[in-house]
Amino acid sequence: MHPVLSRSARIGIPLLALGQGLCEAGFVLSARWGLTGSGPAALGLMGGFAVLRLVFQERGAALEVQSLRRAVSALQSQLLETLRARAVPAYRPAVRRELARVLEETIPRAAEGLLARRRFAGSLLQGGVLLPGLFLLSWKIALPALAVGALAWRVLKWKNRSLRDLERSGSHGRAAERRANEEFAAGLEAASGTAWDGYLRRFSGELDAARVADWKWRRAQARYPALLETGFFFALTGLLVSGAFVLDGLDGWILFTALLVLVYRPVREAARHYPVALQGTQALDEVRALLAGWNACEPRALPPENPEPGFFALENASFAYAAPGGGHADAHPVFEDVSLKFRADEVTGITGPNGAGKTTLLRLIAGAEIPSGPPGKRGKVWWAAAARRTDPGIAYLPQRAHPGADWRAWASRLRSENPGLWEELNAVLRLENLIGKAEHPESMSGGERQRMALARAAASDAGYLLLDEPTTGLPAHEREEILAGVLRIWKRGNARGGDPKNARGALVVSHEPFLGALCDSLLDLSREARA
């Protein structure tokens, strides 16, 4: 993993805190000098140190915010770059949920923790600058102060172990809470009648049980800094009282009091930053473990151009599902040693029973998956020349279609830039009625979202179209007409000047009985896989 915090942040944040401590010490010493009779000069120095401290504090706050933003961006970029470069099965629910959780929770927590470690170091430096002043005033008081500090450090290390255990338990509890929420969301529509009350009570109990460990961790986060702060407060107060009896003269005692007050603040801040730094270390370890698992996956690359330029093809391809970084022994085979080819200028229909590998075939053609097996024996996927030489080469509509959050802006842009294509799509998919509803996607049915996604796929400039169950959610009596219209628009969309040689092709997976009538050829994948 690349360094997350920049060098300027790693060094600059503690140094700026050190500068604040030096300015505070200079302010106190200038005040002491002023008490001996050099009033105007001392006031000037005091004002200079106050301004310098303000500058250091302002620059430190700005650097912290900037470093936090860059740290989140750096971690996010490393994660997404690994996802782009490796064949991570990101469409699978478990991986998709893990990615969403890491982007939303773990990365910000890790960045905050890294920043808190710099703040913790800066607070210790800031307090350490003022300690020599105690020795200069009285070694009789400075030695007990160091003894208190050593005892506090031992307590800190002891609490560190307990905090780590609580943080691990809290992480497990949060994971259990997420699983309970996911199961509840998945089963909410299925619960009805007399089972409703029992279902809600069971869910409530699962949430309460899952949150126990997390609440313990949160309580420790709140109590630990408070306990340390209180302990240091009473220790410093004791030193302050003892100074009244040990130090000679009011001036020395005032200087000693000022130094103690200034030491107390960075010590308190260090106590508050420590649990955050610990939590961030745990979060960073999670990100590193996830990246290590993803980096164990095969490199991702677009399929090469087919020597037969007019065909997409699979050559002796096999595929088996396995967890990221898992071995071949744990893989679940979908098909083995399959060879197929599809004309790039024709519409090919794919049929077959559930589990035959239809969706997997589309994902292999799209380059979202790579064939399984040991290197050199996993087969190949080839793209037709027209798709390999265009960007994007392929338009892909998966089973769980998502039209995109910007669909309304996309539709407005298409309507103004290509009104002819918009009118054709609107006549087939009735898109005008969906523009206003796109602002409230939660109110839209699955069929409406499917129409939106079909429109976006059909308007693509890609060289080839992959459709996985494109009639999902559409009314039964309209499915054939809609699919026929979309395929007609798609094939003609790239036929420049009406030349059929430039027509685009498509691969359509569907269980619909009319599929054969809309396609140039039909392939039963179960028979091909058996062959």
Protein backbone atom coordinates (compact mmCIF):
# COMPACT_ATOMS: atom_id res chain seq x y z
CA MET A 1 0.00 0.00 0.00
CA HIS A 2 1.31 3.43 -0.95
CA PRO A 3 1.80 6.04 1.83
CA VAL A 4 -1.57 7.55 2.62
CA LEU A 5 -0.44 10.72 4.37
CA SER A 6 1.94 12.97 2.48
CA ARG A 7 5.40 13.72 3.84
CA SER A 8 4.35 17.28 4.59
CA ALA A 9 1.49 15.99 6.73
CA ARG A 10 3.51 13.34 8.55
CA ILE A 11 6.20 15.86 9.48
CA GLY A 12 4.35 19.16 9.29
CA ILE A 13 1.52 18.44 11.74
CA PRO A 14 3.83 17.50 14.66
CA LEU A 15 6.25 20.33 13.82
CA LEU A 16 3.47 22.92 13.77
CA ALA A 17 2.29 21.63 17.16
CA LEU A 18 5.90 21.88 18.37
CA GLY A 19 5.98 25.46 17.12
CA GLN A 20 2.87 26.22 19.17
CA GLY A 21 4.55 24.81 22.28
CA LEU A 22 7.68 26.88 21.71
CA CYS A 23 5.58 30.02 21.30
CA GLU A 24 3.72 29.26 24.52
CA ALA A 25 7.01 28.73 26.39
CA GLY A 26 8.36 31.96 24.93
CA PHE A 27 5.21 33.79 25.99
CA VAL A 28 5.59 32.60 29.60
CA LEU A 29 9.29 33.42 29.73
CA SER A 30 8.60 36.88 28.30
CA ALA A 31 6.00 37.41 31.01
CA ARG A 32 8.58 36.33 33.62
CA TRP A 33 11.04 38.82 32.13
CA GLY A 34 8.39 41.52 32.32
CA LEU A 35 7.88 40.85 36.03
CA THR A 36 11.54 41.69 36.66
CA GLY A 37 11.17 45.20 35.29
CA SER A 38 11.48 45.10 31.44
CA GLY A 39 7.82 45.77 30.80
CA PRO A 40 7.60 47.33 27.28
CA ALA A 41 10.09 44.94 25.70
CA ALA A 42 8.42 41.95 27.35
CA LEU A 43 5.00 43.04 26.12
CA GLY A 44 6.37 43.25 22.58
CA LEU A 45 7.79 39.75 22.82
CA MET A 46 4.58 38.43 24.31
CA GLY A 47 2.59 39.92 21.42
CA GLY A 48 5.00 38.44 18.87
CA PHE A 49 4.78 34.96 20.40
CA ALA A 50 0.96 35.20 20.54
CA VAL A 51 0.78 36.10 16.83
CA LEU A 52 3.22 33.31 15.93
CA ARG A 53 1.21 30.78 17.91
CA LEU A 54 -1.96 31.85 16.07
CA VAL A 55 -0.18 31.40 12.73
CA PHE A 56 1.08 27.94 13.70
CA GLN A 57 -2.36 26.92 14.93
CA GLU A 58 -4.11 28.21 11.79
CA ARG A 59 -1.62 26.50 9.48
CA GLY A 60 -1.90 23.28 11.46
CA ALA A 61 -5.71 23.26 11.22
CA ALA A 62 -5.58 23.90 7.46
CA LEU A 63 -2.97 21.16 6.95
CA GLU A 64 -5.05 18.68 8.96
CA VAL A 65 -8.17 19.26 6.85
CA GLN A 66 -6.18 19.08 3.62
CA SER A 67 -4.39 15.92 4.77
CA LEU A 68 -7.65 14.25 5.77
CA ARG A 69 -9.16 14.93 2.36
CA ARG A 70 -6.07 13.66 0.57
CA ALA A 71 -5.84 10.56 2.79
CA VAL A 72 -9.45 9.58 2.04
CA SER A 73 -8.86 10.20 -1.66
CA ALA A 74 -5.60 8.19 -1.65
CA LEU A 75 -7.16 5.17 0.08
CA GLN A 76 -10.19 5.31 -2.18
CA SER A 77 -7.99 5.54 -5.29
CA GLN A 78 -5.89 2.55 -4.22
CA LEU A 79 -9.02 0.50 -3.64
CA LEU A 80 -10.68 1.42 -6.92
CA GLU A 81 -7.43 1.04 -8.88
CA THR A 82 -7.10 -2.51 -7.57
CA LEU A 83 -10.72 -3.15 -8.48
CA ARG A 84 -10.04 -1.86 -11.99
CA ALA A 85 -6.81 -3.80 -12.51
CA ARG A 86 -7.88 -7.15 -11.03
CA ALA A 87 -10.63 -9.59 -11.94
CA VAL A 88 -12.53 -8.98 -8.70
CA PRO A 89 -16.14 -10.23 -9.02
CA ALA A 90 -17.50 -6.86 -7.92
CA TYR A 91 -21.04 -7.55 -9.15
CA ARG A 92 -21.52 -10.29 -6.54
CA PRO A 93 -23.57 -9.18 -3.51
CA ALA A 94 -20.97 -9.97 -0.84
CA VAL A 95 -18.18 -8.11 -2.64
CA ARG A 96 -20.48 -5.22 -3.52
CA ARG A 97 -21.59 -4.83 0.11
CA GLU A 98 -18.00 -5.01 1.32
CA LEU A 99 -16.91 -2.35 -1.14
CA ALA A 100 -19.77 -0.04 -0.12
CA ARG A 101 -18.98 -0.49 3.58
CA VAL A 102 -15.26 0.18 3.12
CA LEU A 103 -15.86 3.29 1.01
CA GLU A 104 -18.50 4.66 3.39
CA GLU A 105 -17.10 3.72 6.80
CA THR A 106 -13.67 2.09 6.89
CA ILE A 107 -11.67 4.47 4.69
CA PRO A 108 -12.82 7.67 6.49
CA ARG A 109 -12.13 5.98 9.85
CA ALA A 110 -8.66 4.91 8.72
CA ALA A 111 -7.85 8.41 7.47
CA GLU A 112 -9.04 9.96 10.74
CA GLY A 113 -6.91 7.48 12.65
CA LEU A 114 -3.77 8.29 10.65
CA LEU A 115 -4.37 11.97 11.26
CA ALA A 116 -4.99 11.33 14.97
CA ARG A 117 -1.61 9.60 15.22
CA ARG A 118 0.07 12.76 13.91
CA ARG A 119 -1.99 14.86 16.30
CA PHE A 120 -1.03 12.56 19.18
CA ALA A 121 2.67 12.93 18.34
CA GLY A 122 2.27 16.68 18.03
CA SER A 123 0.56 16.93 21.42
CA LEU A 124 3.38 14.99 23.08
CA LEU A 125 5.98 17.26 21.45
CA GLN A 126 4.04 20.33 22.45
CA GLY A 127 3.91 19.24 26.07
CA GLY A 128 7.50 18.03 26.04
CA VAL A 129 8.80 21.47 25.09
CA LEU A 130 7.50 22.87 28.36
CA LEU A 131 8.88 20.15 30.66
CA PRO A 132 12.48 21.53 30.75
CA GLY A 133 11.03 24.68 32.29
CA LEU A 134 9.92 22.64 35.29
CA PHE A 135 13.47 21.39 35.85
CA LEU A 136 14.81 24.92 35.59
CA LEU A 137 12.45 26.02 38.32
CA SER A 138 12.81 23.11 40.74
CA TRP A 139 14.11 19.54 40.33
CA LYS A 140 12.24 18.60 43.51
CA ILE A 141 8.96 19.11 41.66
CA ALA A 142 10.15 18.00 38.20
CA LEU A 143 11.16 14.51 39.37
CA PRO A 144 7.72 13.67 40.84
CA ALA A 145 6.20 15.04 37.63
CA LEU A 146 8.29 12.59 35.56
CA ALA A 147 7.30 9.75 37.90
CA VAL A 148 3.64 10.59 37.33
CA GLY A 149 4.27 10.63 33.58
CA ALA A 150 5.96 7.21 33.68
CA LEU A 151 3.05 5.75 35.64
CA ALA A 152 0.58 7.24 33.19
CA TRP A 153 2.49 5.67 30.29
CA ARG A 154 2.23 2.23 31.92
CA VAL A 155 -1.51 2.71 32.34
CA LEU A 156 -1.73 3.81 28.72
CA LYS A 157 -0.06 0.59 27.51
CA TRP A 158 -2.31 -1.54 29.74
CA LYS A 159 -5.45 0.17 28.46
CA ASN A 160 -4.15 -0.22 24.92
CA ARG A 161 -4.61 -4.00 25.08
CA SER A 162 -8.14 -3.75 26.44
CA LEU A 163 -9.08 -1.12 23.85
CA ARG A 164 -7.82 -3.34 21.03
CA ASP A 165 -9.96 -6.22 22.28
CA LEU A 166 -13.00 -3.95 22.51
CA GLU A 167 -12.37 -2.56 19.02
CA ARG A 168 -12.19 -6.06 17.53
CA SER A 169 -15.41 -7.04 19.30
CA GLY A 170 -17.04 -3.83 18.10
CA SER A 171 -16.04 -4.59 14.49
CA HIS A 172 -17.61 -8.04 14.73
CA GLY A 173 -20.74 -6.49 16.24
CA ARG A 174 -21.05 -3.95 13.43
CA ALA A 175 -20.67 -6.73 10.87
CA ALA A 176 -23.44 -8.73 12.57
CA GLU A 177 -25.65 -5.62 12.59
CA ARG A 178 -25.12 -5.13 8.84
CA ARG A 179 -26.03 -8.77 8.17
CA ALA A 180 -29.19 -8.42 10.27
CA ASN A 181 -30.17 -5.27 8.35
CA GLU A 182 -29.58 -6.97 5.01
CA GLU A 183 -31.65 -10.01 5.97
CA PHE A 184 -34.40 -7.78 7.30
CA ALA A 185 -34.51 -5.75 4.07
CA ALA A 186 -34.55 -8.92 1.98
CA GLY A 187 -37.35 -10.55 3.98
CA LEU A 188 -39.48 -7.50 4.71
CA GLU A 189 -41.83 -7.97 1.78
CA ALA A 190 -42.25 -11.69 2.47
CA ALA A 191 -43.44 -11.20 6.06
CA SER A 192 -47.19 -10.70 6.36
CA GLY A 193 -50.24 -11.59 8.41
CA THR A 194 -49.63 -13.08 11.83
CA ALA A 195 -45.92 -13.52 11.07
CA TRP A 196 -45.37 -9.77 10.86
CA ASP A 197 -45.16 -9.04 14.60
CA GLY A 198 -42.90 -12.01 15.26
CA TYR A 199 -40.64 -11.04 12.38
CA LEU A 200 -40.20 -7.49 13.70
CA ARG A 201 -39.57 -8.70 17.27
CA ARG A 202 -36.94 -11.15 16.08
CA PHE A 203 -35.24 -8.45 14.03
CA SER A 204 -35.25 -6.07 17.00
CA GLY A 205 -33.66 -8.75 19.19
CA GLU A 206 -30.97 -9.48 16.61
CA LEU A 207 -30.11 -5.78 16.34
CA ASP A 208 -29.90 -5.36 20.12
CA ALA A 209 -27.63 -8.40 20.46
CA ALA A 210 -25.38 -7.27 17.61
CA ARG A 211 -25.01 -3.76 19.02
CA VAL A 212 -23.82 -4.79 22.49
CA ALA A 213 -20.16 -5.10 21.52
CA ASP A 214 -20.22 -1.85 19.54
CA TRP A 215 -21.80 0.03 22.45
CA LYS A 216 -19.06 -1.28 24.78
CA TRP A 217 -16.42 0.03 22.37
CA ARG A 218 -18.15 3.40 22.10
CA ARG A 219 -18.38 3.66 25.89
CA ALA A 220 -14.66 2.87 26.19
CA GLN A 221 -13.92 5.56 23.61
CA ALA A 222 -15.79 8.10 25.72
CA ARG A 223 -14.50 6.98 29.14
CA TYR A 224 -10.83 6.44 28.36
CA PRO A 225 -9.90 10.04 27.47
CA ALA A 226 -12.03 11.33 30.35
CA LEU A 227 -10.26 9.08 32.87
CA LEU A 228 -6.83 10.06 31.62
CA GLU A 229 -7.74 13.73 31.55
CA THR A 230 -9.09 13.62 35.10
CA GLY A 231 -6.03 11.74 36.34
CA PHE A 232 -3.64 14.25 34.81
CA PHE A 233 -5.75 17.12 36.13
CA PHE A 234 -5.46 15.98 39.74
CA ALA A 235 -1.77 15.11 39.34
CA LEU A 236 -0.97 18.55 37.95
CA THR A 237 -3.09 20.21 40.61
CA GLY A 238 -1.07 18.38 43.26
CA LEU A 239 2.16 19.59 41.68
CA LEU A 240 0.75 23.11 41.55
CA VAL A 241 -0.08 23.08 45.27
CA SER A 242 3.31 21.62 46.17
CA GLY A 243 4.99 24.37 44.14
CA ALA A 244 3.54 26.94 46.50
CA PHE A 245 5.57 25.41 49.34
CA VAL A 246 8.75 24.50 47.46
CA LEU A 247 9.35 27.47 45.18
CA ASP A 248 10.82 30.69 46.44
CA GLY A 249 9.01 33.86 45.56
CA LEU A 250 5.71 34.69 43.94
CA ASP A 251 7.26 35.18 40.53
CA GLY A 252 8.61 31.62 40.38
CA TRP A 253 5.31 30.16 41.49
CA ILE A 254 3.37 32.15 38.86
CA LEU A 255 5.76 30.94 36.14
CA PHE A 256 5.46 27.36 37.38
CA THR A 257 1.64 27.65 37.40
CA ALA A 258 1.57 28.95 33.85
CA LEU A 259 3.78 26.11 32.64
CA LEU A 260 1.59 23.51 34.33
CA VAL A 261 -1.54 24.95 32.75
CA LEU A 262 0.11 24.90 29.33
CA VAL A 263 1.35 21.31 29.81
CA TYR A 264 -2.13 20.13 30.79
CA ARG A 265 -3.76 21.09 27.49
CA PRO A 266 -1.56 19.01 25.10
CA VAL A 267 -1.67 16.08 27.53
CA ARG A 268 -5.47 16.25 27.46
CA GLU A 269 -5.46 16.42 23.66
CA ALA A 270 -3.11 13.42 23.44
CA ALA A 271 -5.53 11.43 25.61
CA ARG A 272 -8.38 12.28 23.25
CA HIS A 273 -6.47 11.46 20.06
CA TYR A 274 -5.18 8.09 21.26
CA PRO A 275 -8.43 6.02 20.95
CA VAL A 276 -9.13 7.58 17.53
CA ALA A 277 -5.62 6.64 16.37
CA LEU A 278 -6.13 3.09 17.64
CA GLN A 279 -9.44 2.75 15.84
CA GLY A 280 -7.90 4.14 12.65
CA THR A 281 -5.09 1.56 12.83
CA GLN A 282 -7.67 -1.22 12.98
CA ALA A 283 -9.55 0.29 10.02
CA LEU A 284 -6.34 0.64 7.99
CA ASP A 285 -5.56 -3.03 8.66
CA GLU A 286 -9.00 -3.89 7.26
CA VAL A 287 -8.32 -1.92 4.08
CA ARG A 288 -4.90 -3.55 3.70
CA ALA A 289 -6.39 -7.03 4.13
CA LEU A 290 -9.05 -6.28 1.53
CA LEU A 291 -6.46 -4.97 -0.92
CA ALA A 292 -4.26 -8.03 -0.34
CA GLY A 293 -7.20 -10.33 -1.13
CA TRP A 294 -8.08 -8.41 -4.27
CA ASN A 295 -4.48 -8.24 -5.46
CA ALA A 296 -4.40 -12.04 -5.36
CA CYS A 297 -6.99 -12.09 -8.16
CA GLU A 298 -5.95 -12.41 -11.78
CA PRO A 299 -5.11 -9.22 -13.71
CA ARG A 300 -8.04 -7.85 -15.68
CA ALA A 301 -7.65 -7.07 -19.39
CA LEU A 302 -9.96 -6.58 -22.35
CA PRO A 303 -10.14 -9.60 -24.66
CA PRO A 304 -7.82 -9.33 -27.68
CA GLU A 305 -8.94 -8.77 -31.26
CA ASN A 306 -10.12 -11.94 -32.98
CA PRO A 307 -8.07 -13.18 -35.96
CA GLU A 308 -11.50 -13.67 -37.54
CA PRO A 309 -12.40 -9.96 -37.36
CA GLY A 310 -16.15 -10.39 -37.82
CA PHE A 311 -16.72 -12.67 -34.82
CA PHE A 312 -16.84 -12.68 -31.04
CA ALA A 313 -15.63 -16.03 -29.75
CA LEU A 314 -14.88 -18.26 -26.78
CA GLU A 315 -12.14 -20.80 -27.38
CA ASN A 316 -11.88 -23.79 -24.99
CA ALA A 317 -13.10 -21.52 -22.18
CA SER A 318 -13.95 -22.75 -18.69
CA PHE A 319 -15.28 -20.81 -15.75
CA ALA A 320 -15.75 -21.49 -12.04
CA TYR A 321 -16.82 -19.11 -9.30
CA ALA A 322 -14.44 -18.71 -6.38
CA ALA A 323 -13.93 -16.18 -3.61
CA PRO A 324 -11.34 -13.44 -4.34
CA GLY A 325 -7.91 -14.92 -3.70
CA GLY A 326 -9.40 -18.40 -3.26
CA GLY A 327 -7.87 -21.51 -4.73
CA HIS A 328 -9.21 -23.65 -7.55
CA ALA A 329 -10.17 -26.36 -5.05
CA ASP A 330 -12.92 -24.12 -3.64
CA ALA A 331 -14.28 -23.11 -7.05
CA HIS A 332 -17.82 -23.88 -8.24
CA PRO A 333 -17.67 -24.85 -11.95
CA VAL A 334 -20.19 -23.30 -14.36
CA PHE A 335 -18.99 -24.75 -17.66
CA GLU A 336 -15.84 -26.37 -19.01
CA ASP A 337 -13.98 -26.30 -22.32
CA VAL A 338 -16.65 -24.41 -24.26
CA SER A 339 -15.97 -23.02 -27.73
CA LEU A 340 -18.52 -20.63 -29.31
CA LYS A 341 -18.53 -17.80 -31.80
CA PHE A 342 -21.06 -15.09 -32.70
CA ARG A 343 -21.23 -12.84 -35.75
CA ALA A 344 -20.60 -9.21 -34.86
CA ASP A 345 -23.29 -7.97 -37.28
CA GLU A 346 -26.09 -10.35 -36.26
CA VAL A 347 -28.42 -10.76 -33.29
CA THR A 348 -27.83 -14.07 -31.51
CA GLY A 349 -30.26 -15.37 -28.91
CA ILE A 350 -29.05 -17.44 -25.96
CA THR A 351 -31.38 -19.83 -24.14
CA GLY A 352 -30.88 -22.50 -21.54
CA PRO A 353 -32.02 -23.51 -18.05
CA ASN A 354 -31.11 -21.59 -14.91
CA GLY A 355 -27.51 -22.26 -13.94
CA ALA A 356 -26.39 -23.13 -17.47
CA GLY A 357 -24.01 -20.15 -17.48
CA LYS A 358 -25.87 -17.63 -19.67
CA THR A 359 -25.05 -14.62 -17.51
CA THR A 360 -21.49 -15.87 -17.03
CA LEU A 361 -21.12 -16.11 -20.80
CA LEU A 362 -22.15 -12.46 -21.20
CA ARG A 363 -19.75 -11.36 -18.48
CA LEU A 364 -16.91 -13.25 -20.16
CA ILE A 365 -17.70 -11.63 -23.51
CA ALA A 366 -17.92 -8.21 -21.82
CA GLY A 367 -14.51 -8.69 -20.17
CA ALA A 368 -16.02 -8.39 -16.67
CA GLU A 369 -14.80 -11.94 -15.93
CA ILE A 370 -11.84 -13.91 -17.22
CA PRO A 371 -11.82 -17.67 -17.90
CA SER A 372 -10.89 -19.88 -14.96
CA GLY A 373 -8.13 -22.42 -14.67
CA PRO A 374 -4.35 -22.47 -14.46
CA PRO A 375 -2.49 -20.08 -16.77
CA GLY A 376 -2.10 -21.47 -20.24
CA LYS A 377 -5.08 -23.82 -19.90
CA ARG A 378 -7.98 -21.49 -19.25
CA GLY A 379 -9.03 -20.81 -22.83
CA LYS A 380 -9.51 -17.45 -24.51
CA VAL A 381 -12.13 -14.79 -25.23
CA TRP A 382 -11.91 -12.88 -28.51
CA TRP A 383 -13.56 -9.62 -29.52
CA ALA A 384 -14.60 -8.70 -33.03
CA ALA A 385 -12.43 -6.03 -34.63
CA ALA A 386 -15.18 -3.39 -34.71
CA ALA A 387 -15.71 -3.61 -30.95
CA ARG A 388 -12.00 -3.74 -30.12
CA ARG A 389 -11.36 -0.56 -32.11
CA THR A 390 -14.19 1.54 -30.64
CA ASP A 391 -14.75 3.08 -27.24
CA PRO A 392 -16.86 1.77 -25.64
CA GLY A 393 -16.50 -1.52 -27.46
CA ILE A 394 -19.55 -3.15 -25.86
CA ALA A 395 -22.81 -1.93 -24.30
CA TYR A 396 -23.92 -4.29 -21.54
CA LEU A 397 -27.34 -4.42 -19.86
CA PRO A 398 -27.18 -6.84 -16.88
CA GLN A 399 -30.11 -8.57 -15.22
CA ARG A 400 -30.26 -6.05 -12.39
CA ALA A 401 -30.34 -3.04 -14.65
CA HIS A 402 -29.60 0.42 -13.26
CA PRO A 403 -30.36 3.36 -15.57
CA GLY A 404 -27.99 5.66 -13.67
CA ALA A 405 -28.63 8.53 -11.27
CA ASP A 406 -28.05 10.99 -14.12
CA TRP A 407 -30.65 9.42 -16.41
CA ARG A 408 -32.82 12.53 -16.52
CA ALA A 409 -29.89 14.72 -17.62
CA TRP A 410 -28.86 12.07 -20.15
CA ALA A 411 -32.40 11.92 -21.58
CA SER A 412 -32.60 15.72 -21.91
CA ARG A 413 -29.23 15.80 -23.66
CA LEU A 414 -30.23 13.03 -26.10
CA ARG A 415 -33.55 14.72 -26.86
CA SER A 416 -31.81 17.98 -27.79
CA GLU A 417 -28.78 16.52 -29.60
CA ASN A 418 -30.43 13.61 -31.43
CA PRO A 419 -34.20 14.23 -31.57
CA GLY A 420 -34.72 11.55 -34.22
CA LEU A 421 -33.26 8.79 -32.07
CA TRP A 422 -35.15 10.11 -29.05
CA GLU A 423 -38.47 9.95 -30.90
CA GLU A 424 -37.78 6.37 -31.98
CA LEU A 425 -36.90 5.29 -28.46
CA ASN A 426 -39.86 7.18 -27.00
CA ALA A 427 -42.27 5.47 -29.41
CA VAL A 428 -41.05 2.04 -28.30
CA LEU A 429 -40.38 2.66 -24.57
CA ARG A 430 -42.66 5.63 -23.68
CA LEU A 431 -39.83 7.62 -22.14
CA GLU A 432 -41.52 11.03 -21.90
CA ASN A 433 -43.57 9.84 -18.95
CA LEU A 434 -40.42 8.77 -17.10
CA ILE A 435 -38.44 12.03 -17.25
CA GLY A 436 -40.35 13.63 -14.40
CA LYS A 437 -40.45 10.43 -12.33
CA ALA A 438 -36.68 10.01 -12.61
CA GLU A 439 -36.32 12.58 -9.82
CA HIS A 440 -37.93 10.06 -7.44
CA PRO A 441 -36.49 6.63 -8.34
CA GLU A 442 -37.94 5.06 -5.19
CA SER A 443 -41.43 5.58 -6.65
CA MET A 444 -40.62 3.84 -9.94
CA SER A 445 -41.46 0.24 -10.71
CA GLY A 446 -38.93 -2.30 -11.91
CA GLY A 447 -40.44 -2.17 -15.38
CA GLU A 448 -40.03 1.61 -15.58
CA ARG A 449 -36.38 1.38 -14.59
CA GLN A 450 -35.94 -1.39 -17.17
CA ARG A 451 -37.32 0.91 -19.91
CA MET A 452 -34.89 3.62 -18.88
CA ALA A 453 -31.93 1.24 -18.89
CA LEU A 454 -32.95 -0.22 -22.27
CA ALA A 455 -33.08 3.28 -23.76
CA ARG A 456 -29.62 4.10 -22.52
CA ALA A 457 -28.18 0.82 -23.84
CA ALA A 458 -29.87 1.18 -27.25
CA ALA A 459 -28.54 4.75 -27.66
CA SER A 460 -24.93 3.73 -26.99
CA ASP A 461 -22.22 4.22 -29.60
CA ALA A 462 -20.71 0.82 -28.79
CA GLY A 463 -20.02 -1.74 -31.47
CA TYR A 464 -21.92 -4.63 -29.84
CA LEU A 465 -24.80 -5.04 -27.41
CA LEU A 466 -25.21 -7.58 -24.61
CA LEU A 467 -28.71 -7.94 -23.12
CA ASP A 468 -29.33 -10.19 -20.11
CA GLU A 469 -33.06 -10.84 -19.61
CA PRO A 470 -33.99 -7.44 -21.13
CA THR A 471 -37.77 -7.96 -20.70
CA THR A 472 -37.60 -8.32 -16.91
CA GLY A 473 -40.39 -6.32 -15.25
CA LEU A 474 -42.11 -5.37 -18.51
CA PRO A 475 -45.81 -6.19 -19.12
CA ALA A 476 -46.16 -9.64 -20.70
CA HIS A 477 -48.24 -8.39 -23.63
CA GLU A 478 -45.63 -5.71 -24.54
CA ARG A 479 -42.40 -7.64 -24.18
CA GLU A 480 -42.07 -8.88 -27.74
CA GLU A 481 -42.92 -5.51 -29.25
CA ILE A 482 -40.50 -3.63 -26.97
CA LEU A 483 -37.59 -6.01 -27.51
CA ALA A 484 -38.16 -6.06 -31.29
CA GLY A 485 -38.21 -2.24 -31.38
CA VAL A 486 -35.05 -1.90 -29.28
CA LEU A 487 -33.14 -4.39 -31.45
CA ARG A 488 -34.35 -2.66 -34.63
CA ILE A 489 -33.15 0.74 -33.38
CA TRP A 490 -29.86 -0.74 -32.19
CA LYS A 491 -29.00 -2.47 -35.47
CA ARG A 492 -29.86 0.56 -37.59
CA GLY A 493 -28.22 3.05 -35.24
CA ASN A 494 -24.72 2.40 -36.55
CA ALA A 495 -25.58 1.55 -40.18
CA ARG A 496 -23.92 4.60 -41.68
CA GLY A 497 -25.59 5.60 -44.91
CA GLY A 498 -27.86 2.57 -44.71
CA ASP A 499 -24.96 0.23 -45.51
CA PRO A 500 -25.83 -3.18 -43.96
CA LYS A 501 -22.11 -3.94 -43.63
CA ASN A 502 -21.99 -1.40 -40.80
CA ALA A 503 -24.93 -2.88 -38.90
CA ARG A 504 -24.31 -3.75 -35.25
CA GLY A 505 -25.03 -7.08 -33.65
CA ALA A 506 -26.23 -8.18 -30.24
CA LEU A 507 -26.22 -11.14 -27.88
CA VAL A 508 -29.54 -11.57 -26.07
CA VAL A 509 -30.12 -13.89 -23.11
CA SER A 510 -33.79 -14.60 -22.48
CA HIS A 511 -36.34 -17.28 -21.58
CA GLU A 512 -39.01 -15.64 -23.73
CA PRO A 513 -40.64 -18.03 -26.27
CA PHE A 514 -40.55 -15.36 -29.00
CA LEU A 515 -36.75 -14.90 -28.78
CA GLY A 516 -36.06 -17.05 -31.84
CA ALA A 517 -38.35 -14.93 -34.04
CA LEU A 518 -36.36 -11.76 -33.21
CA CYS A 519 -32.86 -13.16 -33.66
CA ASP A 520 -30.79 -14.18 -36.65
CA SER A 521 -29.70 -17.33 -34.83
CA LEU A 522 -30.53 -19.11 -31.58
CA LEU A 523 -28.17 -21.01 -29.30
CA ASP A 524 -29.14 -23.43 -26.52
CA LEU A 525 -26.27 -23.00 -24.07
CA SER A 526 -27.06 -26.18 -22.11
CA ARG A 527 -26.48 -28.32 -25.20
CA GLU A 528 -23.28 -26.48 -26.12
CA ALA A 529 -21.96 -26.83 -22.57
CA ARG A 530 -22.67 -30.55 -22.59
CA ALA A 531 -21.01 -30.89 -25.97
